[in-house]
Amino acid sequence: MLFLDELPEFKKNVLEVLRQPLEDGKVTIARAALSITYPASIMLAAAMNPCPCGYATDPLKECACAPPLIQRYVARISGPLLDRIDIQIEVPAVKYQELSDGAGGETSAVIRARVQRARETQHARFRESPHLFCNADMQPKDLRTHCRVDEAGQGLLKQAMNQLGLSARAYDRILKVARTIADLEGQEQIQPQFISEAIQYRSLDRKLWVG
């Protein structure tokens, strides 16, 4: 696990070198005399504000940043890097009432059991494919086998590609996330609602770029 807080504050060239290990699970260090490749399969988690002051999407507080400043801020994260991040979600501030009402959600034990079942499903799916450990490891040829989508799901994917301007890499990652959602729900077939949910997890990058 690699966690990067305040993602846009890192130097852009530092962030761009993450693209190879995120894509290939390895990193190559080249020098004049030799080149060495190391395994570098990681789970990346990152956090960032929507703008320098942090209030660009806050419904209660006014943002003090001019649009060009916001654009420059979010543009520090390149589109190719975002393409390699499977899930991008906006986390709004938690209201006082939600913090103080004491209402509980699912327990960690319940969530853990559901995740474990999904892991077991993936282990069985890839038993004959030693190069695959989980859905995220699938290559395009594996997607054609394990991520078949019906006509309604294909329509959702086509609409997302056209309206959000998503790349072919984002298309593959939507399918992987939808496959995982189906596994968590205990479903063999990738339903249209799973495709829709996976698309929602990729909408943040285009919202920030197009405004």
Foldseek 3Di string as FASTA:
>chain_A
DAEEEAVLVDQLVVLVQVLVCLVPQKHWDDDPPDIDIDGHNDDYHYYHAQAPVRCPPPPPDDDPDDVVRSQVSLVSQPPSSLLSHQFADDDYDDDPCVVPVPDDDDDPVVVVVLVVQLQVVQCVVCVVPVQDRALSSDDPVVCVVQQDADPLLVVVLVVLCVPLVDDPSNSSSLSSQLSSVCSSVVHRHRYSVSSVVSSNRSRVSSVSNVD
